[in-house]
Full PDB file with SEQRES, HELIX, SHEET, SSBOND, CRYST1, ORIGX, SCALE, CONECT and MASTER records, all heavy atoms in Angstrom:
SEQRES   1 A   31  HIS ALA LYS TYR ALA GLY GLY MET PHE THR GLY ALA LYS          
SEQRES   2 A   31  TRP TYR PHE THR ASP VAL PHE GLY VAL LYS THR GLU PHE          
SEQRES   3 A   31  GLN PHE ASP TRP GLY                                          
SHEET    1 AA1 2 GLY A   7  TYR A  15  0                                        
SHEET    2 AA1 2 GLY A  21  ASP A  29 -1                                        
CRYST1    1.000    1.000    1.000  90.00  90.00  90.00 P 1           1          
ORIGX1      1.000000  0.000000  0.000000        0.00000                         
ORIGX2      0.000000  1.000000  0.000000        0.00000                         
ORIGX3      0.000000  0.000000  1.000000        0.00000                         
SCALE1      1.000000  0.000000  0.000000        0.00000                         
SCALE2      0.000000  1.000000  0.000000        0.00000                         
SCALE3      0.000000  0.000000  1.000000        0.00000                         
ATOM      1  N   HIS A   1      -6.711 -23.078  -5.805  1.00  0.00           N  
ATOM      2  CA  HIS A   1      -5.255 -23.300  -5.742  1.00  0.00           C  
ATOM      3  C   HIS A   1      -4.582 -21.992  -5.301  1.00  0.00           C  
ATOM      4  O   HIS A   1      -5.259 -20.958  -5.122  1.00  0.00           O  
ATOM      5  CB  HIS A   1      -4.710 -23.727  -7.005  1.00  0.00           C  
ATOM      6  CG  HIS A   1      -4.854 -22.776  -8.186  1.00  0.00           C  
ATOM      7  ND1 HIS A   1      -5.922 -22.755  -9.043  1.00  0.00           N  
ATOM      8  CD2 HIS A   1      -4.106 -21.622  -8.447  1.00  0.00           C  
ATOM      9  CE1 HIS A   1      -5.827 -21.776  -9.881  1.00  0.00           C  
ATOM     10  NE2 HIS A   1      -4.714 -21.086  -9.558  1.00  0.00           N  
ATOM     11  N   ALA A   2      -3.258 -22.057  -5.026  1.00  0.00           N  
ATOM     12  CA  ALA A   2      -2.534 -20.868  -4.575  1.00  0.00           C  
ATOM     13  C   ALA A   2      -1.450 -20.539  -5.570  1.00  0.00           C  
ATOM     14  O   ALA A   2      -0.871 -21.422  -6.227  1.00  0.00           O  
ATOM     15  CB  ALA A   2      -1.969 -21.228  -3.214  1.00  0.00           C  
ATOM     16  N   LYS A   3      -1.177 -19.267  -5.752  1.00  0.00           N  
ATOM     17  CA  LYS A   3      -0.117 -18.768  -6.521  1.00  0.00           C  
ATOM     18  C   LYS A   3       0.755 -17.702  -5.811  1.00  0.00           C  
ATOM     19  O   LYS A   3       0.335 -17.030  -4.880  1.00  0.00           O  
ATOM     20  CB  LYS A   3      -0.658 -18.090  -7.787  1.00  0.00           C  
ATOM     21  CG  LYS A   3      -1.309 -19.025  -8.752  1.00  0.00           C  
ATOM     22  CD  LYS A   3      -0.217 -19.822  -9.536  1.00  0.00           C  
ATOM     23  CE  LYS A   3      -0.805 -20.707 -10.627  1.00  0.00           C  
ATOM     24  NZ  LYS A   3       0.187 -21.479 -11.318  1.00  0.00           N  
ATOM     25  N   TYR A   4       2.006 -17.616  -6.161  1.00  0.00           N  
ATOM     26  CA  TYR A   4       2.952 -16.621  -5.543  1.00  0.00           C  
ATOM     27  C   TYR A   4       2.357 -15.209  -5.808  1.00  0.00           C  
ATOM     28  O   TYR A   4       1.877 -14.961  -6.975  1.00  0.00           O  
ATOM     29  CB  TYR A   4       4.382 -16.762  -6.087  1.00  0.00           C  
ATOM     30  CG  TYR A   4       5.210 -15.578  -5.735  1.00  0.00           C  
ATOM     31  CD1 TYR A   4       5.771 -15.517  -4.432  1.00  0.00           C  
ATOM     32  CD2 TYR A   4       5.521 -14.614  -6.643  1.00  0.00           C  
ATOM     33  CE1 TYR A   4       6.540 -14.440  -4.035  1.00  0.00           C  
ATOM     34  CE2 TYR A   4       6.314 -13.520  -6.268  1.00  0.00           C  
ATOM     35  CZ  TYR A   4       6.825 -13.500  -4.950  1.00  0.00           C  
ATOM     36  OH  TYR A   4       7.657 -12.386  -4.614  1.00  0.00           O  
ATOM     37  N   ALA A   5       2.498 -14.353  -4.889  1.00  0.00           N  
ATOM     38  CA  ALA A   5       2.053 -12.915  -5.047  1.00  0.00           C  
ATOM     39  C   ALA A   5       3.242 -12.097  -4.502  1.00  0.00           C  
ATOM     40  O   ALA A   5       3.776 -12.296  -3.454  1.00  0.00           O  
ATOM     41  CB  ALA A   5       0.785 -12.628  -4.347  1.00  0.00           C  
ATOM     42  N   GLY A   6       3.605 -11.081  -5.299  1.00  0.00           N  
ATOM     43  CA  GLY A   6       4.621 -10.204  -4.845  1.00  0.00           C  
ATOM     44  C   GLY A   6       4.838  -9.010  -5.764  1.00  0.00           C  
ATOM     45  O   GLY A   6       4.394  -9.027  -6.911  1.00  0.00           O  
ATOM     46  N   GLY A   7       5.607  -8.034  -5.215  1.00  0.00           N  
ATOM     47  CA  GLY A   7       5.872  -6.925  -6.061  1.00  0.00           C  
ATOM     48  C   GLY A   7       6.426  -5.664  -5.330  1.00  0.00           C  
ATOM     49  O   GLY A   7       6.946  -5.923  -4.160  1.00  0.00           O  
ATOM     50  N   MET A   8       6.179  -4.588  -5.775  1.00  0.00           N  
ATOM     51  CA  MET A   8       6.534  -3.276  -5.182  1.00  0.00           C  
ATOM     52  C   MET A   8       5.275  -2.496  -4.931  1.00  0.00           C  
ATOM     53  O   MET A   8       4.317  -2.690  -5.487  1.00  0.00           O  
ATOM     54  CB  MET A   8       7.459  -2.423  -6.026  1.00  0.00           C  
ATOM     55  CG  MET A   8       8.791  -3.168  -6.450  1.00  0.00           C  
ATOM     56  SD  MET A   8       9.840  -2.096  -7.494  1.00  0.00           S  
ATOM     57  CE  MET A   8      10.112  -0.766  -6.449  1.00  0.00           C  
ATOM     58  N   PHE A   9       5.352  -1.585  -3.846  1.00  0.00           N  
ATOM     59  CA  PHE A   9       4.281  -0.670  -3.583  1.00  0.00           C  
ATOM     60  C   PHE A   9       4.851   0.672  -3.205  1.00  0.00           C  
ATOM     61  O   PHE A   9       5.935   0.809  -2.688  1.00  0.00           O  
ATOM     62  CB  PHE A   9       3.351  -1.180  -2.470  1.00  0.00           C  
ATOM     63  CG  PHE A   9       3.951  -1.410  -1.194  1.00  0.00           C  
ATOM     64  CD1 PHE A   9       3.903  -0.408  -0.262  1.00  0.00           C  
ATOM     65  CD2 PHE A   9       4.762  -2.602  -0.899  1.00  0.00           C  
ATOM     66  CE1 PHE A   9       4.481  -0.602   0.997  1.00  0.00           C  
ATOM     67  CE2 PHE A   9       5.312  -2.797   0.295  1.00  0.00           C  
ATOM     68  CZ  PHE A   9       5.221  -1.800   1.338  1.00  0.00           C  
ATOM     69  N   THR A  10       4.045   1.702  -3.450  1.00  0.00           N  
ATOM     70  CA  THR A  10       4.374   3.059  -3.025  1.00  0.00           C  
ATOM     71  C   THR A  10       3.106   3.782  -2.696  1.00  0.00           C  
ATOM     72  O   THR A  10       2.018   3.381  -3.145  1.00  0.00           O  
ATOM     73  CB  THR A  10       5.171   3.710  -4.174  1.00  0.00           C  
ATOM     74  OG1 THR A  10       5.625   5.094  -3.659  1.00  0.00           O  
ATOM     75  CG2 THR A  10       4.237   4.040  -5.354  1.00  0.00           C  
ATOM     76  N   GLY A  11       3.169   4.839  -1.825  1.00  0.00           N  
ATOM     77  CA  GLY A  11       2.004   5.490  -1.507  1.00  0.00           C  
ATOM     78  C   GLY A  11       2.298   6.674  -0.560  1.00  0.00           C  
ATOM     79  O   GLY A  11       3.450   7.058  -0.294  1.00  0.00           O  
ATOM     80  N   ALA A  12       1.276   7.219   0.107  1.00  0.00           N  
ATOM     81  CA  ALA A  12       1.438   8.272   1.001  1.00  0.00           C  
ATOM     82  C   ALA A  12       0.319   8.289   2.026  1.00  0.00           C  
ATOM     83  O   ALA A  12      -0.827   7.828   1.735  1.00  0.00           O  
ATOM     84  CB  ALA A  12       1.434   9.596   0.221  1.00  0.00           C  
ATOM     85  N   LYS A  13       0.590   8.729   3.240  1.00  0.00           N  
ATOM     86  CA  LYS A  13      -0.391   8.943   4.277  1.00  0.00           C  
ATOM     87  C   LYS A  13      -0.414  10.482   4.667  1.00  0.00           C  
ATOM     88  O   LYS A  13       0.714  10.997   4.892  1.00  0.00           O  
ATOM     89  CB  LYS A  13      -0.055   8.058   5.540  1.00  0.00           C  
ATOM     90  CG  LYS A  13       0.053   6.542   5.214  1.00  0.00           C  
ATOM     91  CD  LYS A  13       0.484   5.825   6.473  1.00  0.00           C  
ATOM     92  CE  LYS A  13       0.718   4.358   6.213  1.00  0.00           C  
ATOM     93  NZ  LYS A  13       1.142   3.668   7.458  1.00  0.00           N  
ATOM     94  N   TRP A  14      -1.529  10.999   4.866  1.00  0.00           N  
ATOM     95  CA  TRP A  14      -1.676  12.300   5.409  1.00  0.00           C  
ATOM     96  C   TRP A  14      -2.359  12.275   6.719  1.00  0.00           C  
ATOM     97  O   TRP A  14      -3.467  11.825   6.883  1.00  0.00           O  
ATOM     98  CB  TRP A  14      -2.539  13.216   4.453  1.00  0.00           C  
ATOM     99  CG  TRP A  14      -2.694  14.600   4.963  1.00  0.00           C  
ATOM    100  CD1 TRP A  14      -3.712  15.055   5.745  1.00  0.00           C  
ATOM    101  CD2 TRP A  14      -1.762  15.691   4.792  1.00  0.00           C  
ATOM    102  NE1 TRP A  14      -3.527  16.425   6.075  1.00  0.00           N  
ATOM    103  CE2 TRP A  14      -2.318  16.841   5.504  1.00  0.00           C  
ATOM    104  CE3 TRP A  14      -0.615  15.875   4.103  1.00  0.00           C  
ATOM    105  CZ2 TRP A  14      -1.699  18.076   5.519  1.00  0.00           C  
ATOM    106  CZ3 TRP A  14       0.034  17.111   4.099  1.00  0.00           C  
ATOM    107  CH2 TRP A  14      -0.541  18.189   4.814  1.00  0.00           C  
ATOM    108  N   TYR A  15      -1.645  12.745   7.749  1.00  0.00           N  
ATOM    109  CA  TYR A  15      -2.142  12.584   9.162  1.00  0.00           C  
ATOM    110  C   TYR A  15      -2.858  13.903   9.566  1.00  0.00           C  
ATOM    111  O   TYR A  15      -2.256  14.995   9.427  1.00  0.00           O  
ATOM    112  CB  TYR A  15      -1.033  12.313  10.094  1.00  0.00           C  
ATOM    113  CG  TYR A  15      -0.567  10.792  10.100  1.00  0.00           C  
ATOM    114  CD1 TYR A  15       0.583  10.437   9.376  1.00  0.00           C  
ATOM    115  CD2 TYR A  15      -1.327   9.857  10.769  1.00  0.00           C  
ATOM    116  CE1 TYR A  15       0.976   9.148   9.344  1.00  0.00           C  
ATOM    117  CE2 TYR A  15      -0.940   8.570  10.699  1.00  0.00           C  
ATOM    118  CZ  TYR A  15       0.182   8.139   9.962  1.00  0.00           C  
ATOM    119  OH  TYR A  15       0.565   6.885   9.937  1.00  0.00           O  
ATOM    120  N   PHE A  16      -4.071  13.793  10.007  1.00  0.00           N  
ATOM    121  CA  PHE A  16      -4.817  14.884  10.595  1.00  0.00           C  
ATOM    122  C   PHE A  16      -4.434  15.143  11.987  1.00  0.00           C  
ATOM    123  O   PHE A  16      -4.540  16.307  12.508  1.00  0.00           O  
ATOM    124  CB  PHE A  16      -6.291  14.734  10.302  1.00  0.00           C  
ATOM    125  CG  PHE A  16      -6.741  14.694   8.856  1.00  0.00           C  
ATOM    126  CD1 PHE A  16      -6.872  13.547   8.198  1.00  0.00           C  
ATOM    127  CD2 PHE A  16      -6.971  15.901   8.244  1.00  0.00           C  
ATOM    128  CE1 PHE A  16      -7.272  13.507   6.887  1.00  0.00           C  
ATOM    129  CE2 PHE A  16      -7.306  15.906   6.874  1.00  0.00           C  
ATOM    130  CZ  PHE A  16      -7.514  14.745   6.233  1.00  0.00           C  
ATOM    131  N   THR A  17      -4.245  14.047  12.718  1.00  0.00           N  
ATOM    132  CA  THR A  17      -3.822  14.031  14.099  1.00  0.00           C  
ATOM    133  C   THR A  17      -2.636  13.090  14.198  1.00  0.00           C  
ATOM    134  O   THR A  17      -2.195  12.480  13.297  1.00  0.00           O  
ATOM    135  CB  THR A  17      -5.005  13.645  15.056  1.00  0.00           C  
ATOM    136  OG1 THR A  17      -5.068  12.167  14.937  1.00  0.00           O  
ATOM    137  CG2 THR A  17      -6.328  14.274  14.611  1.00  0.00           C  
ATOM    138  N   ASP A  18      -2.082  12.994  15.484  1.00  0.00           N  
ATOM    139  CA  ASP A  18      -1.009  12.050  15.670  1.00  0.00           C  
ATOM    140  C   ASP A  18      -1.434  10.564  15.643  1.00  0.00           C  
ATOM    141  O   ASP A  18      -0.607   9.654  15.652  1.00  0.00           O  
ATOM    142  CB  ASP A  18      -0.233  12.356  16.944  1.00  0.00           C  
ATOM    143  CG  ASP A  18      -1.176  12.360  18.209  1.00  0.00           C  
ATOM    144  OD1 ASP A  18      -2.383  12.153  17.977  1.00  0.00           O  
ATOM    145  OD2 ASP A  18      -0.650  12.356  19.314  1.00  0.00           O  
ATOM    146  N   VAL A  19      -2.734  10.441  15.506  1.00  0.00           N  
ATOM    147  CA  VAL A  19      -3.248   9.001  15.462  1.00  0.00           C  
ATOM    148  C   VAL A  19      -4.007   8.699  14.143  1.00  0.00           C  
ATOM    149  O   VAL A  19      -3.754   7.638  13.562  1.00  0.00           O  
ATOM    150  CB  VAL A  19      -4.317   8.736  16.610  1.00  0.00           C  
ATOM    151  CG1 VAL A  19      -4.918   7.375  16.485  1.00  0.00           C  
ATOM    152  CG2 VAL A  19      -3.594   8.917  17.944  1.00  0.00           C  
ATOM    153  N   PHE A  20      -4.784   9.648  13.653  1.00  0.00           N  
ATOM    154  CA  PHE A  20      -5.606   9.309  12.480  1.00  0.00           C  
ATOM    155  C   PHE A  20      -5.078   9.980  11.190  1.00  0.00           C  
ATOM    156  O   PHE A  20      -4.671  11.218  11.230  1.00  0.00           O  
ATOM    157  CB  PHE A  20      -7.074   9.804  12.780  1.00  0.00           C  
ATOM    158  CG  PHE A  20      -7.984   9.752  11.567  1.00  0.00           C  
ATOM    159  CD1 PHE A  20      -8.551   8.440  11.143  1.00  0.00           C  
ATOM    160  CD2 PHE A  20      -8.215  10.835  10.767  1.00  0.00           C  
ATOM    161  CE1 PHE A  20      -9.343   8.352  10.037  1.00  0.00           C  
ATOM    162  CE2 PHE A  20      -9.074  10.661   9.654  1.00  0.00           C  
ATOM    163  CZ  PHE A  20      -9.614   9.474   9.341  1.00  0.00           C  
ATOM    164  N   GLY A  21      -5.245   9.264  10.068  1.00  0.00           N  
ATOM    165  CA  GLY A  21      -4.894   9.847   8.748  1.00  0.00           C  
ATOM    166  C   GLY A  21      -5.592   9.070   7.627  1.00  0.00           C  
ATOM    167  O   GLY A  21      -6.308   8.150   7.851  1.00  0.00           O  
ATOM    168  N   VAL A  22      -5.405   9.663   6.400  1.00  0.00           N  
ATOM    169  CA  VAL A  22      -5.908   8.960   5.296  1.00  0.00           C  
ATOM    170  C   VAL A  22      -4.738   8.507   4.424  1.00  0.00           C  
ATOM    171  O   VAL A  22      -3.649   9.047   4.558  1.00  0.00           O  
ATOM    172  CB  VAL A  22      -6.853   9.862   4.339  1.00  0.00           C  
ATOM    173  CG1 VAL A  22      -8.143  10.144   5.140  1.00  0.00           C  
ATOM    174  CG2 VAL A  22      -6.125  11.109   3.969  1.00  0.00           C  
ATOM    175  N   LYS A  23      -4.967   7.497   3.587  1.00  0.00           N  
ATOM    176  CA  LYS A  23      -3.787   7.018   2.798  1.00  0.00           C  
ATOM    177  C   LYS A  23      -4.199   6.570   1.385  1.00  0.00           C  
ATOM    178  O   LYS A  23      -5.402   6.306   1.121  1.00  0.00           O  
ATOM    179  CB  LYS A  23      -3.225   5.777   3.540  1.00  0.00           C  
ATOM    180  CG  LYS A  23      -4.045   4.603   3.609  1.00  0.00           C  
ATOM    181  CD  LYS A  23      -3.525   3.496   4.434  1.00  0.00           C  
ATOM    182  CE  LYS A  23      -2.282   2.871   3.814  1.00  0.00           C  
ATOM    183  NZ  LYS A  23      -1.756   1.693   4.537  1.00  0.00           N  
ATOM    184  N   THR A  24      -3.261   6.663   0.507  1.00  0.00           N  
ATOM    185  CA  THR A  24      -3.420   6.068  -0.837  1.00  0.00           C  
ATOM    186  C   THR A  24      -2.230   5.230  -1.173  1.00  0.00           C  
ATOM    187  O   THR A  24      -1.102   5.515  -0.704  1.00  0.00           O  
ATOM    188  CB  THR A  24      -3.652   7.155  -1.895  1.00  0.00           C  
ATOM    189  OG1 THR A  24      -3.962   6.599  -3.178  1.00  0.00           O  
ATOM    190  CG2 THR A  24      -2.434   8.057  -2.009  1.00  0.00           C  
ATOM    191  N   GLU A  25      -2.421   4.199  -1.990  1.00  0.00           N  
ATOM    192  CA  GLU A  25      -1.361   3.245  -2.271  1.00  0.00           C  
ATOM    193  C   GLU A  25      -1.507   2.666  -3.687  1.00  0.00           C  
ATOM    194  O   GLU A  25      -2.661   2.507  -4.097  1.00  0.00           O  
ATOM    195  CB  GLU A  25      -1.356   2.125  -1.229  1.00  0.00           C  
ATOM    196  CG  GLU A  25      -0.209   1.218  -1.262  1.00  0.00           C  
ATOM    197  CD  GLU A  25      -0.107   0.325  -0.023  1.00  0.00           C  
ATOM    198  OE1 GLU A  25      -0.208   0.760   1.157  1.00  0.00           O  
ATOM    199  OE2 GLU A  25      -0.099  -0.979  -0.233  1.00  0.00           O  
ATOM    200  N   PHE A  26      -0.321   2.405  -4.305  1.00  0.00           N  
ATOM    201  CA  PHE A  26      -0.282   1.786  -5.606  1.00  0.00           C  
ATOM    202  C   PHE A  26       0.693   0.658  -5.520  1.00  0.00           C  
ATOM    203  O   PHE A  26       1.766   0.727  -4.960  1.00  0.00           O  
ATOM    204  CB  PHE A  26       0.203   2.842  -6.618  1.00  0.00           C  
ATOM    205  CG  PHE A  26      -0.683   4.055  -6.783  1.00  0.00           C  
ATOM    206  CD1 PHE A  26      -0.324   5.152  -6.009  1.00  0.00           C  
ATOM    207  CD2 PHE A  26      -1.757   4.086  -7.584  1.00  0.00           C  
ATOM    208  CE1 PHE A  26      -1.119   6.317  -6.077  1.00  0.00           C  
ATOM    209  CE2 PHE A  26      -2.514   5.268  -7.629  1.00  0.00           C  
ATOM    210  CZ  PHE A  26      -2.231   6.342  -6.863  1.00  0.00           C  
ATOM    211  N   GLN A  27       0.261  -0.496  -6.170  1.00  0.00           N  
ATOM    212  CA  GLN A  27       1.112  -1.694  -6.142  1.00  0.00           C  
ATOM    213  C   GLN A  27       1.406  -2.128  -7.567  1.00  0.00           C  
ATOM    214  O   GLN A  27       0.610  -2.003  -8.526  1.00  0.00           O  
ATOM    215  CB  GLN A  27       0.298  -2.758  -5.457  1.00  0.00           C  
ATOM    216  CG  GLN A  27      -0.069  -2.415  -4.004  1.00  0.00           C  
ATOM    217  CD  GLN A  27      -0.410  -3.597  -3.109  1.00  0.00           C  
ATOM    218  OE1 GLN A  27       0.266  -4.538  -3.033  1.00  0.00           O  
ATOM    219  NE2 GLN A  27      -1.555  -3.489  -2.416  1.00  0.00           N  
ATOM    220  N   PHE A  28       2.654  -2.662  -7.623  1.00  0.00           N  
ATOM    221  CA  PHE A  28       3.174  -3.122  -8.965  1.00  0.00           C  
ATOM    222  C   PHE A  28       3.464  -4.608  -8.909  1.00  0.00           C  
ATOM    223  O   PHE A  28       4.318  -5.012  -8.104  1.00  0.00           O  
ATOM    224  CB  PHE A  28       4.355  -2.343  -9.359  1.00  0.00           C  
ATOM    225  CG  PHE A  28       4.174  -0.828  -9.208  1.00  0.00           C  
ATOM    226  CD1 PHE A  28       4.553  -0.073  -8.091  1.00  0.00           C  
ATOM    227  CD2 PHE A  28       3.658  -0.137 -10.354  1.00  0.00           C  
ATOM    228  CE1 PHE A  28       4.331   1.240  -7.953  1.00  0.00           C  
ATOM    229  CE2 PHE A  28       3.434   1.273 -10.213  1.00  0.00           C  
ATOM    230  CZ  PHE A  28       3.839   1.945  -9.105  1.00  0.00           C  
ATOM    231  N   ASP A  29       2.733  -5.321  -9.602  1.00  0.00           N  
ATOM    232  CA  ASP A  29       2.716  -6.805  -9.469  1.00  0.00           C  
ATOM    233  C   ASP A  29       3.841  -7.477 -10.326  1.00  0.00           C  
ATOM    234  O   ASP A  29       3.954  -7.163 -11.457  1.00  0.00           O  
ATOM    235  CB  ASP A  29       1.304  -7.338  -9.968  1.00  0.00           C  
ATOM    236  CG  ASP A  29       1.024  -8.786  -9.481  1.00  0.00           C  
ATOM    237  OD1 ASP A  29       1.979  -9.423  -9.202  1.00  0.00           O  
ATOM    238  OD2 ASP A  29      -0.112  -9.216  -9.664  1.00  0.00           O  
ATOM    239  N   TRP A  30       4.605  -8.362  -9.689  1.00  0.00           N  
ATOM    240  CA  TRP A  30       5.490  -9.248 -10.454  1.00  0.00           C  
ATOM    241  C   TRP A  30       5.242 -10.701 -10.201  1.00  0.00           C  
ATOM    242  O   TRP A  30       6.109 -11.472 -10.415  1.00  0.00           O  
ATOM    243  CB  TRP A  30       6.998  -8.912 -10.213  1.00  0.00           C  
ATOM    244  CG  TRP A  30       7.476  -9.008  -8.853  1.00  0.00           C  
ATOM    245  CD1 TRP A  30       7.251  -9.982  -7.931  1.00  0.00           C  
ATOM    246  CD2 TRP A  30       8.422  -8.106  -8.137  1.00  0.00           C  
ATOM    247  NE1 TRP A  30       8.007  -9.777  -6.795  1.00  0.00           N  
ATOM    248  CE2 TRP A  30       8.688  -8.617  -6.878  1.00  0.00           C  
ATOM    249  CE3 TRP A  30       8.987  -6.878  -8.531  1.00  0.00           C  
ATOM    250  CZ2 TRP A  30       9.500  -7.894  -5.983  1.00  0.00           C  
ATOM    251  CZ3 TRP A  30       9.822  -6.235  -7.634  1.00  0.00           C  
ATOM    252  CH2 TRP A  30      10.133  -6.809  -6.360  1.00  0.00           C  
ATOM    253  N   GLY A  31       3.994 -11.028  -9.858  1.00  0.00           N  
ATOM    254  CA  GLY A  31       3.647 -12.429  -9.622  1.00  0.00           C  
ATOM    255  C   GLY A  31       3.285 -13.109 -10.985  1.00  0.00           C  
ATOM    256  O   GLY A  31       3.721 -12.705 -12.001  1.00  0.00           O  
TER     257      GLY A  31                                                      
MASTER        0    0    0    0    2    0    0    6  256    1    0    3          
END                                                                             
């Protein structure tokens, strides 16, 4: 079955070049 999913998220990306980077992200669920 399916359930609603939603919430807030925050994070950061660190770019080594103008194309490539690494990222981390945290999500806060209110589903």
